Amino acid sequence: MENNGPLQYMVDFTLPSELSEDFIQKIPSQRNLVNRLIGEGKVLNYSLSLQDSKLWVVFCADTEAELLDMVYQLPLTRYMSVRISALSLYSSSRVNLPAFSVN
């Protein structure tokens, strides 16, 4: 199958059983980077379940190397186990936001 553009990847993170102070202190940095990647269209979905100690992120990347670079730039990755799956299909509904007006 030929690559006709960016691919989507589901990254399944398992949070540590105990959230250390160091982990908690890095949360704002994680959120800032994720928000930037969402704005760039590199993160399509970011979902967290504290109940299940899971974080799921759908990334959009041109290459696996680009994906790995983004995953390991996230400040919290070093505390979690990571499982990456290339997605064959990714569909989502878009929330329709009102258009911005300069009036």
N, C-alpha and C. Protein backbone atom coordinates (compact mmCIF):
# COMPACT_ATOMS: atom_id res chain seq x y z
N MET A 1 0.85 -1.18 0.00
CA MET A 1 0.00 0.00 0.00
C MET A 1 0.89 1.24 0.00
N GLU A 2 0.61 2.18 -0.87
CA GLU A 2 1.47 3.34 -0.98
C GLU A 2 1.01 4.45 -0.05
N ASN A 3 1.96 5.22 0.44
CA ASN A 3 1.69 6.31 1.38
C ASN A 3 1.32 7.55 0.59
N ASN A 4 0.07 7.99 0.72
CA ASN A 4 -0.40 9.18 0.02
C ASN A 4 -0.55 10.36 0.96
N GLY A 5 0.29 10.47 1.92
CA GLY A 5 0.21 11.58 2.85
C GLY A 5 0.37 11.09 4.28
N PRO A 6 0.04 11.97 5.22
CA PRO A 6 0.21 11.62 6.63
C PRO A 6 -0.60 10.39 7.02
N LEU A 7 -0.04 9.64 7.96
CA LEU A 7 -0.71 8.46 8.51
C LEU A 7 -1.18 8.78 9.92
N GLN A 8 -2.17 8.05 10.39
CA GLN A 8 -2.65 8.22 11.75
C GLN A 8 -2.17 7.03 12.58
N TYR A 9 -1.82 7.34 13.81
CA TYR A 9 -1.34 6.33 14.75
C TYR A 9 -2.07 6.51 16.07
N MET A 10 -2.50 5.39 16.66
CA MET A 10 -3.06 5.41 18.00
C MET A 10 -1.92 5.04 18.96
N VAL A 11 -1.67 5.93 19.91
CA VAL A 11 -0.65 5.66 20.91
C VAL A 11 -1.37 5.46 22.24
N ASP A 12 -1.17 4.28 22.81
CA ASP A 12 -1.81 3.87 24.05
C ASP A 12 -0.75 3.94 25.15
N PHE A 13 -0.95 4.87 26.07
CA PHE A 13 -0.03 5.06 27.19
C PHE A 13 -0.67 4.46 28.44
N THR A 14 0.12 3.78 29.25
CA THR A 14 -0.34 3.30 30.55
C THR A 14 0.36 4.13 31.62
N LEU A 15 -0.44 4.84 32.41
CA LEU A 15 0.10 5.69 33.46
C LEU A 15 0.67 4.85 34.59
N PRO A 16 1.62 5.40 35.34
CA PRO A 16 2.15 4.68 36.50
C PRO A 16 1.06 4.53 37.56
N SER A 17 1.18 3.51 38.38
CA SER A 17 0.18 3.28 39.43
C SER A 17 0.19 4.40 40.46
N GLU A 18 1.34 4.95 40.72
CA GLU A 18 1.48 6.09 41.63
C GLU A 18 1.98 7.28 40.84
N LEU A 19 1.27 8.41 40.92
CA LEU A 19 1.71 9.62 40.21
C LEU A 19 2.64 10.41 41.12
N SER A 20 3.92 10.40 40.77
CA SER A 20 4.93 11.07 41.58
C SER A 20 4.78 12.58 41.47
N GLU A 21 5.39 13.28 42.39
CA GLU A 21 5.39 14.75 42.36
C GLU A 21 6.03 15.25 41.07
N ASP A 22 7.09 14.59 40.63
CA ASP A 22 7.77 14.96 39.38
C ASP A 22 6.82 14.83 38.19
N PHE A 23 6.04 13.76 38.16
CA PHE A 23 5.04 13.53 37.11
C PHE A 23 4.02 14.68 37.13
N ILE A 24 3.48 14.97 38.29
CA ILE A 24 2.45 16.01 38.44
C ILE A 24 2.99 17.37 38.02
N GLN A 25 4.23 17.67 38.35
CA GLN A 25 4.82 18.96 37.98
C GLN A 25 4.99 19.12 36.47
N LYS A 26 5.07 18.02 35.75
CA LYS A 26 5.25 18.08 34.29
C LYS A 26 3.93 18.15 33.52
N ILE A 27 2.80 18.03 34.21
CA ILE A 27 1.50 18.07 33.53
C ILE A 27 1.29 19.37 32.75
N PRO A 28 1.57 20.55 33.31
CA PRO A 28 1.36 21.77 32.52
C PRO A 28 2.21 21.80 31.24
N SER A 29 3.44 21.32 31.29
CA SER A 29 4.28 21.26 30.09
C SER A 29 3.69 20.31 29.06
N GLN A 30 3.17 19.19 29.53
CA GLN A 30 2.52 18.22 28.65
C GLN A 30 1.33 18.87 27.96
N ARG A 31 0.49 19.54 28.73
CA ARG A 31 -0.71 20.18 28.16
C ARG A 31 -0.34 21.24 27.14
N ASN A 32 0.68 22.03 27.43
CA ASN A 32 1.11 23.07 26.49
C ASN A 32 1.56 22.48 25.17
N LEU A 33 2.38 21.42 25.24
CA LEU A 33 2.87 20.79 24.01
C LEU A 33 1.73 20.13 23.25
N VAL A 34 0.84 19.44 23.96
CA VAL A 34 -0.30 18.80 23.30
C VAL A 34 -1.18 19.85 22.61
N ASN A 35 -1.44 20.96 23.29
CA ASN A 35 -2.25 22.03 22.67
C ASN A 35 -1.58 22.57 21.41
N ARG A 36 -0.26 22.71 21.44
CA ARG A 36 0.45 23.17 20.25
C ARG A 36 0.34 22.15 19.12
N LEU A 37 0.51 20.86 19.45
CA LEU A 37 0.41 19.81 18.43
C LEU A 37 -1.01 19.69 17.88
N ILE A 38 -2.01 19.93 18.72
CA ILE A 38 -3.40 19.96 18.22
C ILE A 38 -3.56 21.11 17.24
N GLY A 39 -3.04 22.27 17.58
CA GLY A 39 -3.11 23.43 16.70
C GLY A 39 -2.42 23.21 15.37
N GLU A 40 -1.36 22.40 15.37
CA GLU A 40 -0.61 22.09 14.15
C GLU A 40 -1.23 20.94 13.37
N GLY A 41 -2.27 20.31 13.92
CA GLY A 41 -2.90 19.17 13.26
C GLY A 41 -2.12 17.88 13.42
N LYS A 42 -1.18 17.84 14.34
CA LYS A 42 -0.37 16.64 14.58
C LYS A 42 -1.00 15.71 15.61
N VAL A 43 -1.78 16.26 16.52
CA VAL A 43 -2.56 15.47 17.47
C VAL A 43 -4.02 15.66 17.09
N LEU A 44 -4.69 14.56 16.80
CA LEU A 44 -6.09 14.61 16.38
C LEU A 44 -7.05 14.36 17.53
N ASN A 45 -6.58 13.63 18.54
CA ASN A 45 -7.44 13.26 19.65
C ASN A 45 -6.55 12.97 20.87
N TYR A 46 -6.99 13.42 22.04
CA TYR A 46 -6.24 13.22 23.28
C TYR A 46 -7.25 12.87 24.36
N SER A 47 -7.20 11.64 24.86
CA SER A 47 -8.21 11.17 25.81
C SER A 47 -7.52 10.52 27.01
N LEU A 48 -7.99 10.86 28.20
CA LEU A 48 -7.40 10.37 29.44
C LEU A 48 -8.47 9.72 30.30
N SER A 49 -8.14 8.55 30.85
CA SER A 49 -8.99 7.90 31.85
C SER A 49 -8.13 7.65 33.09
N LEU A 50 -8.29 8.50 34.10
CA LEU A 50 -7.56 8.28 35.35
C LEU A 50 -8.04 7.00 36.02
N GLN A 51 -9.33 6.69 35.88
CA GLN A 51 -9.89 5.47 36.46
C GLN A 51 -9.17 4.23 35.95
N ASP A 52 -8.84 4.23 34.65
CA ASP A 52 -8.18 3.07 34.05
C ASP A 52 -6.67 3.25 33.89
N SER A 53 -6.15 4.39 34.34
CA SER A 53 -4.71 4.71 34.20
C SER A 53 -4.25 4.63 32.74
N LYS A 54 -5.09 5.17 31.84
CA LYS A 54 -4.79 5.11 30.41
C LYS A 54 -4.88 6.50 29.79
N LEU A 55 -4.04 6.71 28.81
CA LEU A 55 -4.06 7.90 27.98
C LEU A 55 -3.98 7.41 26.54
N TRP A 56 -4.90 7.89 25.71
CA TRP A 56 -4.89 7.52 24.30
C TRP A 56 -4.74 8.77 23.47
N VAL A 57 -3.82 8.73 22.52
CA VAL A 57 -3.58 9.88 21.65
C VAL A 57 -3.54 9.41 20.21
N VAL A 58 -4.28 10.10 19.34
CA VAL A 58 -4.19 9.83 17.92
C VAL A 58 -3.31 10.91 17.31
N PHE A 59 -2.19 10.47 16.73
CA PHE A 59 -1.24 11.36 16.09
C PHE A 59 -1.38 11.26 14.58
N CYS A 60 -1.01 12.32 13.90
CA CYS A 60 -0.92 12.35 12.44
C CYS A 60 0.53 12.68 12.11
N ALA A 61 1.20 11.79 11.37
CA ALA A 61 2.62 11.98 11.07
C ALA A 61 2.93 11.48 9.67
N ASP A 62 3.91 12.10 9.04
CA ASP A 62 4.33 11.69 7.70
C ASP A 62 5.17 10.42 7.73
N THR A 63 5.91 10.23 8.84
CA THR A 63 6.78 9.06 8.96
C THR A 63 6.72 8.53 10.39
N GLU A 64 7.13 7.29 10.56
CA GLU A 64 7.19 6.73 11.90
C GLU A 64 8.23 7.47 12.75
N ALA A 65 9.30 7.93 12.12
CA ALA A 65 10.32 8.69 12.85
C ALA A 65 9.73 9.99 13.39
N GLU A 66 8.90 10.66 12.60
CA GLU A 66 8.25 11.89 13.07
C GLU A 66 7.32 11.58 14.24
N LEU A 67 6.58 10.48 14.14
CA LEU A 67 5.71 10.07 15.22
C LEU A 67 6.50 9.84 16.50
N LEU A 68 7.56 9.04 16.41
CA LEU A 68 8.37 8.75 17.60
C LEU A 68 8.96 10.01 18.20
N ASP A 69 9.37 10.94 17.36
CA ASP A 69 9.90 12.22 17.86
C ASP A 69 8.84 12.94 18.68
N MET A 70 7.60 12.99 18.18
CA MET A 70 6.53 13.66 18.92
C MET A 70 6.22 12.94 20.22
N VAL A 71 6.13 11.61 20.17
CA VAL A 71 5.80 10.82 21.36
C VAL A 71 6.85 11.05 22.45
N TYR A 72 8.12 11.01 22.08
CA TYR A 72 9.17 11.12 23.09
C TYR A 72 9.51 12.56 23.47
N GLN A 73 8.92 13.54 22.77
CA GLN A 73 9.01 14.94 23.21
C GLN A 73 8.03 15.23 24.35
N LEU A 74 6.97 14.43 24.44
CA LEU A 74 5.99 14.66 25.51
C LEU A 74 6.66 14.44 26.87
N PRO A 75 6.57 15.41 27.76
CA PRO A 75 7.26 15.33 29.04
C PRO A 75 6.90 14.12 29.90
N LEU A 76 5.69 13.57 29.75
CA LEU A 76 5.26 12.47 30.61
C LEU A 76 5.54 11.09 30.04
N THR A 77 5.98 11.01 28.79
CA THR A 77 6.20 9.71 28.16
C THR A 77 7.16 8.84 28.96
N ARG A 78 8.20 9.42 29.50
CA ARG A 78 9.21 8.62 30.21
C ARG A 78 8.67 7.89 31.43
N TYR A 79 7.49 8.30 31.92
CA TYR A 79 6.89 7.67 33.09
C TYR A 79 5.90 6.56 32.74
N MET A 80 5.61 6.40 31.45
CA MET A 80 4.53 5.51 31.04
C MET A 80 5.02 4.46 30.06
N SER A 81 4.33 3.33 30.03
CA SER A 81 4.59 2.38 28.95
C SER A 81 3.78 2.84 27.74
N VAL A 82 4.30 2.53 26.56
CA VAL A 82 3.73 3.04 25.32
C VAL A 82 3.51 1.89 24.35
N ARG A 83 2.36 1.89 23.71
CA ARG A 83 2.05 0.93 22.66
C ARG A 83 1.54 1.71 21.47
N ILE A 84 2.16 1.52 20.31
CA ILE A 84 1.82 2.28 19.10
C ILE A 84 1.18 1.35 18.08
N SER A 85 0.07 1.82 17.50
CA SER A 85 -0.61 1.08 16.43
C SER A 85 -0.85 2.02 15.26
N ALA A 86 -0.45 1.59 14.07
CA ALA A 86 -0.80 2.34 12.86
C ALA A 86 -2.27 2.09 12.59
N LEU A 87 -3.02 3.14 12.32
CA LEU A 87 -4.45 3.00 12.09
C LEU A 87 -4.73 2.82 10.60
N SER A 88 -5.58 1.88 10.29
CA SER A 88 -6.01 1.67 8.91
C SER A 88 -7.14 2.64 8.57
N LEU A 89 -7.90 3.04 9.58
CA LEU A 89 -9.02 3.95 9.38
C LEU A 89 -9.17 4.79 10.63
N TYR A 90 -9.37 6.08 10.45
CA TYR A 90 -9.66 6.96 11.58
C TYR A 90 -10.75 7.92 11.13
N SER A 91 -11.87 7.89 11.82
CA SER A 91 -12.98 8.79 11.54
C SER A 91 -13.37 9.47 12.83
N SER A 92 -13.80 10.71 12.71
CA SER A 92 -14.28 11.43 13.88
C SER A 92 -15.29 12.47 13.42
N SER A 93 -16.12 12.89 14.35
CA SER A 93 -17.03 13.98 14.04
C SER A 93 -16.35 15.27 14.44
N ARG A 94 -16.55 16.25 13.65
CA ARG A 94 -15.98 17.57 13.94
C ARG A 94 -17.04 18.40 14.65
N VAL A 95 -16.62 19.09 15.69
CA VAL A 95 -17.51 20.02 16.36
C VAL A 95 -17.55 21.28 15.51
N ASN A 96 -18.73 21.70 15.16
CA ASN A 96 -18.87 22.91 14.35
C ASN A 96 -18.84 24.13 15.26
N LEU A 97 -17.75 24.87 15.18
CA LEU A 97 -17.60 26.09 15.96
C LEU A 97 -18.03 27.26 15.10
N PRO A 98 -18.61 28.28 15.72
CA PRO A 98 -18.98 29.45 14.92
C PRO A 98 -17.75 30.12 14.34
N ALA A 99 -17.90 30.66 13.15
CA ALA A 99 -16.79 31.36 12.49
C ALA A 99 -16.41 32.59 13.27
N PHE A 100 -15.14 32.88 13.36
CA PHE A 100 -14.65 34.05 14.06
C PHE A 100 -14.97 35.30 13.24
N SER A 101 -15.48 36.30 13.89
CA SER A 101 -15.83 37.56 13.21
C SER A 101 -14.99 38.68 13.78
N VAL A 102 -14.47 39.55 12.91
CA VAL A 102 -13.67 40.68 13.36
C VAL A 102 -14.52 41.93 13.56
N ASN A 103 -15.83 41.81 13.46
CA ASN A 103 -16.74 42.97 13.64
C ASN A 103 -16.80 43.39 15.08
